[in-house]
Amino acid sequence: MVFFFIIIFVTGCSLAVSTNLGSPSPLLVAPGTNTAFRASDAKGTLSFAVNQNVLLACPGAGNYLTVTGGQEAIATCVDATSFTVNGVKYEMNQLKCFKVCLEKFTKNI
């Protein structure tokens, strides 16, 4: 009898701010807060656990997230640089705003 084991390591999502974010990039906010995610190291890396949610925000008049048409959307980490938005899988560099975010983001919590 022969047994095969497949081991899958799930490491979460890791985004290099300089290369993995779309341009113009949305604000990445902790859901339910006004707190933006900050890079976790000197290289400018943002790290998220698998299934961790992040609020993508494109504030300002006439601004919106290009994949949804709305100013806000919840993205969920799948792996590496992949996130789902409304059940559709995207690479983070596909998730961008229509224009640069120049206004402050405020969320009533």
Protein backbone atom coordinates (compact mmCIF):
# COMPACT_ATOMS: atom_id res chain seq x y z
CA MET A 1 0.00 0.00 0.00
CA VAL A 2 1.38 3.40 -0.99
CA PHE A 3 0.29 6.68 0.56
CA PHE A 4 0.82 10.09 -0.94
CA PHE A 5 0.58 13.24 1.05
CA ILE A 6 0.16 16.63 -0.47
CA ILE A 7 1.20 19.48 1.76
CA ILE A 8 0.00 22.92 0.86
CA PHE A 9 1.47 25.89 2.65
CA VAL A 10 -0.86 28.85 2.81
CA THR A 11 1.15 31.94 3.52
CA GLY A 12 -1.30 34.72 2.94
CA CYS A 13 -0.81 37.81 0.82
CA SER A 14 2.29 39.93 0.60
CA LEU A 15 2.24 43.18 -1.35
CA ALA A 16 5.24 45.29 -2.23
CA VAL A 17 3.89 48.83 -2.19
CA SER A 18 6.20 49.90 -5.03
CA THR A 19 5.27 47.07 -7.42
CA ASN A 20 2.06 45.24 -6.47
CA LEU A 21 -0.44 48.08 -6.16
CA GLY A 22 -2.34 49.36 -9.17
CA SER A 23 -1.98 52.97 -10.23
CA PRO A 24 -3.67 55.05 -9.09
CA SER A 25 -3.90 52.86 -6.01
CA PRO A 26 -6.86 52.76 -3.65
CA LEU A 27 -6.46 53.45 0.03
CA LEU A 28 -6.15 50.18 1.96
CA VAL A 29 -8.10 50.54 5.21
CA ALA A 30 -8.82 48.16 8.08
CA PRO A 31 -12.57 47.45 7.81
CA GLY A 32 -14.69 49.26 10.39
CA THR A 33 -11.98 51.86 11.06
CA ASN A 34 -10.36 54.93 9.57
CA THR A 35 -6.95 53.27 9.93
CA ALA A 36 -4.87 52.67 6.83
CA PHE A 37 -2.70 49.58 6.62
CA ARG A 38 1.00 50.36 7.01
CA ALA A 39 3.98 48.57 5.52
CA SER A 40 5.27 45.88 7.86
CA ASP A 41 8.95 46.33 6.98
CA ALA A 42 11.48 48.80 5.58
CA LYS A 43 10.99 47.37 2.07
CA GLY A 44 7.40 48.61 2.03
CA THR A 45 5.62 45.28 2.27
CA LEU A 46 1.99 44.95 3.30
CA SER A 47 1.09 41.53 4.73
CA PHE A 48 -2.36 39.98 5.08
CA ALA A 49 -3.51 36.60 6.39
CA VAL A 50 -5.53 34.29 4.15
CA ASN A 51 -9.20 35.37 4.31
CA GLN A 52 -8.26 38.72 5.90
CA ASN A 53 -10.41 41.57 4.64
CA VAL A 54 -9.22 44.99 3.60
CA LEU A 55 -11.42 47.92 2.63
CA LEU A 56 -10.38 49.48 -0.68
CA ALA A 57 -11.39 53.14 -0.85
CA CYS A 58 -11.25 55.67 -3.68
CA PRO A 59 -12.46 58.88 -2.03
CA GLY A 60 -13.24 62.09 -3.86
CA ALA A 61 -15.83 63.42 -6.25
CA GLY A 62 -15.94 61.37 -9.44
CA ASN A 63 -13.51 58.77 -8.11
CA TYR A 64 -14.29 55.05 -7.94
CA LEU A 65 -12.77 51.59 -7.91
CA THR A 66 -12.54 50.65 -11.59
CA VAL A 67 -13.59 47.00 -11.14
CA THR A 68 -16.79 47.82 -9.21
CA GLY A 69 -17.74 51.40 -10.05
CA GLY A 70 -18.17 52.15 -6.33
CA GLN A 71 -16.00 54.23 -4.03
CA GLU A 72 -15.48 51.36 -1.57
CA ALA A 73 -15.21 47.58 -1.71
CA ILE A 74 -14.07 44.79 0.58
CA ALA A 75 -11.18 42.73 -0.80
CA THR A 76 -10.29 39.37 0.76
CA CYS A 77 -6.78 37.87 0.67
CA VAL A 78 -6.58 34.62 -1.29
CA ASP A 79 -2.83 34.09 -1.68
CA ALA A 80 0.35 35.87 -2.80
CA THR A 81 -1.01 39.02 -4.50
CA SER A 82 -4.53 37.71 -5.24
CA PHE A 83 -7.68 39.07 -3.62
CA THR A 84 -11.38 38.54 -4.22
CA VAL A 85 -13.84 41.40 -4.58
CA ASN A 86 -17.53 40.51 -4.82
CA GLY A 87 -16.56 36.87 -5.40
CA VAL A 88 -14.22 37.63 -8.34
CA LYS A 89 -10.48 36.95 -8.03
CA TYR A 90 -8.11 39.77 -8.99
CA GLU A 91 -4.43 40.47 -8.74
CA MET A 92 -3.98 43.49 -6.46
CA ASN A 93 -2.49 45.55 -9.31
CA GLN A 94 -5.86 45.26 -11.10
CA LEU A 95 -7.64 46.96 -8.20
CA LYS A 96 -7.18 50.64 -8.86
CA CYS A 97 -9.00 53.92 -8.63
CA PHE A 98 -10.22 55.96 -11.57
CA LYS A 99 -8.06 58.87 -10.39
CA VAL A 100 -5.54 59.66 -7.66
CA CYS A 101 -7.03 59.88 -4.15
CA LEU A 102 -6.54 63.46 -3.02
CA GLU A 103 -9.27 63.71 -0.41
CA LYS A 104 -9.34 62.38 3.13
CA PHE A 105 -11.11 59.11 3.78
CA THR A 106 -13.58 59.20 6.63
CA LYS A 107 -15.85 56.38 7.61
CA ASN A 108 -18.62 56.62 10.16
CA ILE A 109 -18.00 53.75 12.52
